[in-house]
Amino acid sequence: MTPSPTRRRQTIFIGSKIRQLRKDRRLTQAVLAKKIGVQQSDLCRMENGEYKVALDTLFRILGVFGMKIGEFFQGSDDPHTSVMNMDQDQQILGMIRDLDGSSRQEVLEFIRFKLAAKRNISLG
């Protein structure tokens, strides 16, 4: 029996989100697969949307990532947009983590400046 288009999109969305989270955390498929107790080939198929992720497997993955299920699906009304936003957010956080303390402080001050400017424009 062929899965419905909606189920297929859900499977692809979940797989792509797992892949993005794995890459953001700089884990290889082999490492993540070992941590969650599956074969690397099965994880690859999950990430590619070829294989449905069982709920218990998803919970093991979330445990590795330190996430709750609500966080995983947060903003998932438009899967393409939410994955892109998550990717960008994670990319920004990853870059900030790579900075030394004083550079992080500069970034924080810049963000505060940009937010204050945005508020003044929207209030003006």
C-alpha atoms as a PDB file:
ATOM      1  CA  MET A   1       0.000   0.000   0.000  1.00  0.00           C
ATOM      2  CA  THR A   2       1.364   3.404  -1.020  1.00  0.00           C
ATOM      3  CA  PRO A   3       1.452   6.071   1.721  1.00  0.00           C
ATOM      4  CA  SER A   4      -0.764   9.122   1.264  1.00  0.00           C
ATOM      5  CA  PRO A   5       0.909  12.331   0.043  1.00  0.00           C
ATOM      6  CA  THR A   6       0.384  13.883   3.488  1.00  0.00           C
ATOM      7  CA  ARG A   7       2.084  10.999   5.269  1.00  0.00           C
ATOM      8  CA  ARG A   8       4.908  11.076   2.751  1.00  0.00           C
ATOM      9  CA  ARG A   9       5.434  14.812   3.388  1.00  0.00           C
ATOM     10  CA  GLN A  10       5.410  14.174   7.149  1.00  0.00           C
ATOM     11  CA  THR A  11       8.013  11.421   6.790  1.00  0.00           C
ATOM     12  CA  ILE A  12      10.220  13.668   4.664  1.00  0.00           C
ATOM     13  CA  PHE A  13       9.787  16.584   7.082  1.00  0.00           C
ATOM     14  CA  ILE A  14      10.735  14.500  10.131  1.00  0.00           C
ATOM     15  CA  GLY A  15      13.722  13.012   8.338  1.00  0.00           C
ATOM     16  CA  SER A  16      15.026  16.354   7.143  1.00  0.00           C
ATOM     17  CA  LYS A  17      14.616  17.823  10.610  1.00  0.00           C
ATOM     18  CA  ILE A  18      16.587  14.946  12.144  1.00  0.00           C
ATOM     19  CA  ARG A  19      19.330  15.431   9.545  1.00  0.00           C
ATOM     20  CA  GLN A  20      19.521  19.150  10.221  1.00  0.00           C
ATOM     21  CA  LEU A  21      19.670  18.679  13.990  1.00  0.00           C
ATOM     22  CA  ARG A  22      22.366  16.039  13.572  1.00  0.00           C
ATOM     23  CA  LYS A  23      24.445  18.272  11.321  1.00  0.00           C
ATOM     24  CA  ASP A  24      23.973  21.298  13.581  1.00  0.00           C
ATOM     25  CA  ARG A  25      25.438  19.250  16.398  1.00  0.00           C
ATOM     26  CA  ARG A  26      28.246  18.040  14.146  1.00  0.00           C
ATOM     27  CA  LEU A  27      27.341  14.372  14.548  1.00  0.00           C
ATOM     28  CA  THR A  28      27.913  11.805  11.832  1.00  0.00           C
ATOM     29  CA  GLN A  29      25.185   9.372  10.917  1.00  0.00           C
ATOM     30  CA  ALA A  30      27.339   6.587  12.347  1.00  0.00           C
ATOM     31  CA  VAL A  31      27.651   8.309  15.733  1.00  0.00           C
ATOM     32  CA  LEU A  32      23.954   9.183  16.014  1.00  0.00           C
ATOM     33  CA  ALA A  33      22.908   5.721  14.834  1.00  0.00           C
ATOM     34  CA  LYS A  34      25.060   4.111  17.509  1.00  0.00           C
ATOM     35  CA  LYS A  35      23.683   6.424  20.224  1.00  0.00           C
ATOM     36  CA  ILE A  36      20.069   5.552  19.350  1.00  0.00           C
ATOM     37  CA  GLY A  37      20.660   1.857  18.659  1.00  0.00           C
ATOM     38  CA  VAL A  38      19.910   1.631  14.927  1.00  0.00           C
ATOM     39  CA  GLN A  39      21.955   0.789  11.868  1.00  0.00           C
ATOM     40  CA  GLN A  40      23.516   3.723  10.029  1.00  0.00           C
ATOM     41  CA  SER A  41      21.741   2.623   6.835  1.00  0.00           C
ATOM     42  CA  ASP A  42      18.379   2.799   8.647  1.00  0.00           C
ATOM     43  CA  LEU A  43      19.148   6.291   9.952  1.00  0.00           C
ATOM     44  CA  CYS A  44      20.128   7.338   6.428  1.00  0.00           C
ATOM     45  CA  ARG A  45      16.803   6.066   5.107  1.00  0.00           C
ATOM     46  CA  MET A  46      14.945   7.890   7.901  1.00  0.00           C
ATOM     47  CA  GLU A  47      16.713  11.156   7.105  1.00  0.00           C
ATOM     48  CA  ASN A  48      15.905  10.742   3.409  1.00  0.00           C
ATOM     49  CA  GLY A  49      12.219  10.180   4.159  1.00  0.00           C
ATOM     50  CA  GLU A  50      12.354   6.623   2.821  1.00  0.00           C
ATOM     51  CA  TYR A  51      11.688   5.036   6.193  1.00  0.00           C
ATOM     52  CA  LYS A  52       9.207   6.106   8.871  1.00  0.00           C
ATOM     53  CA  VAL A  53      10.704   6.995  12.224  1.00  0.00           C
ATOM     54  CA  ALA A  54       9.124   4.962  15.007  1.00  0.00           C
ATOM     55  CA  LEU A  55       7.985   7.016  17.982  1.00  0.00           C
ATOM     56  CA  ASP A  56      10.396   5.276  20.378  1.00  0.00           C
ATOM     57  CA  THR A  57      13.254   5.971  17.954  1.00  0.00           C
ATOM     58  CA  LEU A  58      12.233   9.625  17.702  1.00  0.00           C
ATOM     59  CA  PHE A  59      12.253   9.885  21.508  1.00  0.00           C
ATOM     60  CA  ARG A  60      15.778   8.372  21.625  1.00  0.00           C
ATOM     61  CA  ILE A  61      16.893  10.909  18.998  1.00  0.00           C
ATOM     62  CA  LEU A  62      15.324  13.759  20.964  1.00  0.00           C
ATOM     63  CA  GLY A  63      17.099  12.477  24.075  1.00  0.00           C
ATOM     64  CA  VAL A  64      20.455  12.700  22.289  1.00  0.00           C
ATOM     65  CA  PHE A  65      19.624  16.240  21.154  1.00  0.00           C
ATOM     66  CA  GLY A  66      18.281  17.242  24.579  1.00  0.00           C
ATOM     67  CA  MET A  67      14.918  18.238  23.103  1.00  0.00           C
ATOM     68  CA  LYS A  68      11.280  17.720  23.967  1.00  0.00           C
ATOM     69  CA  ILE A  69       8.883  16.593  21.276  1.00  0.00           C
ATOM     70  CA  GLY A  70       7.117  19.965  21.271  1.00  0.00           C
ATOM     71  CA  GLU A  71      10.393  21.711  20.479  1.00  0.00           C
ATOM     72  CA  PHE A  72      10.990  19.310  17.602  1.00  0.00           C
ATOM     73  CA  PHE A  73       7.636  20.097  15.994  1.00  0.00           C
ATOM     74  CA  GLN A  74       7.460  23.768  17.007  1.00  0.00           C
ATOM     75  CA  GLY A  75       6.549  25.967  14.043  1.00  0.00           C
ATOM     76  CA  SER A  76       5.970  22.982  11.784  1.00  0.00           C
ATOM     77  CA  ASP A  77       2.839  24.316  10.057  1.00  0.00           C
ATOM     78  CA  ASP A  78       4.988  25.098   7.032  1.00  0.00           C
ATOM     79  CA  PRO A  79       7.724  22.423   7.089  1.00  0.00           C
ATOM     80  CA  HIS A  80       9.891  24.156   4.492  1.00  0.00           C
ATOM     81  CA  THR A  81       9.883  27.496   6.316  1.00  0.00           C
ATOM     82  CA  SER A  82      10.299  26.012   9.785  1.00  0.00           C
ATOM     83  CA  VAL A  83      13.265  23.861   8.728  1.00  0.00           C
ATOM     84  CA  MET A  84      14.866  26.885   7.058  1.00  0.00           C
ATOM     85  CA  ASN A  85      14.321  29.059  10.152  1.00  0.00           C
ATOM     86  CA  MET A  86      15.599  26.330  12.434  1.00  0.00           C
ATOM     87  CA  ASP A  87      18.621  25.849  10.190  1.00  0.00           C
ATOM     88  CA  GLN A  88      19.440  29.539  10.275  1.00  0.00           C
ATOM     89  CA  ASP A  89      18.908  29.797  14.041  1.00  0.00           C
ATOM     90  CA  GLN A  90      21.088  26.769  14.701  1.00  0.00           C
ATOM     91  CA  GLN A  91      23.738  28.060  12.322  1.00  0.00           C
ATOM     92  CA  ILE A  92      23.835  31.391  14.167  1.00  0.00           C
ATOM     93  CA  LEU A  93      24.025  29.681  17.564  1.00  0.00           C
ATOM     94  CA  GLY A  94      26.784  27.380  16.334  1.00  0.00           C
ATOM     95  CA  MET A  95      28.848  30.311  15.113  1.00  0.00           C
ATOM     96  CA  ILE A  96      28.352  32.201  18.383  1.00  0.00           C
ATOM     97  CA  ARG A  97      29.456  29.138  20.374  1.00  0.00           C
ATOM     98  CA  ASP A  98      32.711  29.107  18.384  1.00  0.00           C
ATOM     99  CA  LEU A  99      33.580  32.653  19.483  1.00  0.00           C
ATOM    100  CA  ASP A 100      35.677  33.613  22.482  1.00  0.00           C
ATOM    101  CA  GLY A 101      34.088  35.425  25.425  1.00  0.00           C
ATOM    102  CA  SER A 102      34.784  39.002  24.346  1.00  0.00           C
ATOM    103  CA  SER A 103      33.589  38.312  20.799  1.00  0.00           C
ATOM    104  CA  ARG A 104      30.391  36.795  22.175  1.00  0.00           C
ATOM    105  CA  GLN A 105      29.886  39.962  24.221  1.00  0.00           C
ATOM    106  CA  GLU A 106      30.290  42.095  21.076  1.00  0.00           C
ATOM    107  CA  VAL A 107      27.696  39.983  19.251  1.00  0.00           C
ATOM    108  CA  LEU A 108      25.309  40.271  22.189  1.00  0.00           C
ATOM    109  CA  GLU A 109      25.700  44.054  22.259  1.00  0.00           C
ATOM    110  CA  PHE A 110      25.109  44.229  18.500  1.00  0.00           C
ATOM    111  CA  ILE A 111      21.939  42.142  18.799  1.00  0.00           C
ATOM    112  CA  ARG A 112      20.675  44.397  21.578  1.00  0.00           C
ATOM    113  CA  PHE A 113      21.438  47.441  19.426  1.00  0.00           C
ATOM    114  CA  LYS A 114      19.547  45.958  16.431  1.00  0.00           C
ATOM    115  CA  LEU A 115      16.554  45.032  18.584  1.00  0.00           C
ATOM    116  CA  ALA A 116      16.435  48.507  20.134  1.00  0.00           C
ATOM    117  CA  ALA A 117      16.604  50.094  16.678  1.00  0.00           C
ATOM    118  CA  LYS A 118      13.799  47.820  15.472  1.00  0.00           C
ATOM    119  CA  ARG A 119      11.614  48.749  18.439  1.00  0.00           C
ATOM    120  CA  ASN A 120      12.212  52.482  17.868  1.00  0.00           C
ATOM    121  CA  ILE A 121      11.283  52.177  14.200  1.00  0.00           C
ATOM    122  CA  SER A 122       8.128  50.201  14.925  1.00  0.00           C
ATOM    123  CA  LEU A 123       7.120  52.634  17.693  1.00  0.00           C
ATOM    124  CA  GLY A 124       7.909  55.730  15.618  1.00  0.00           C
END
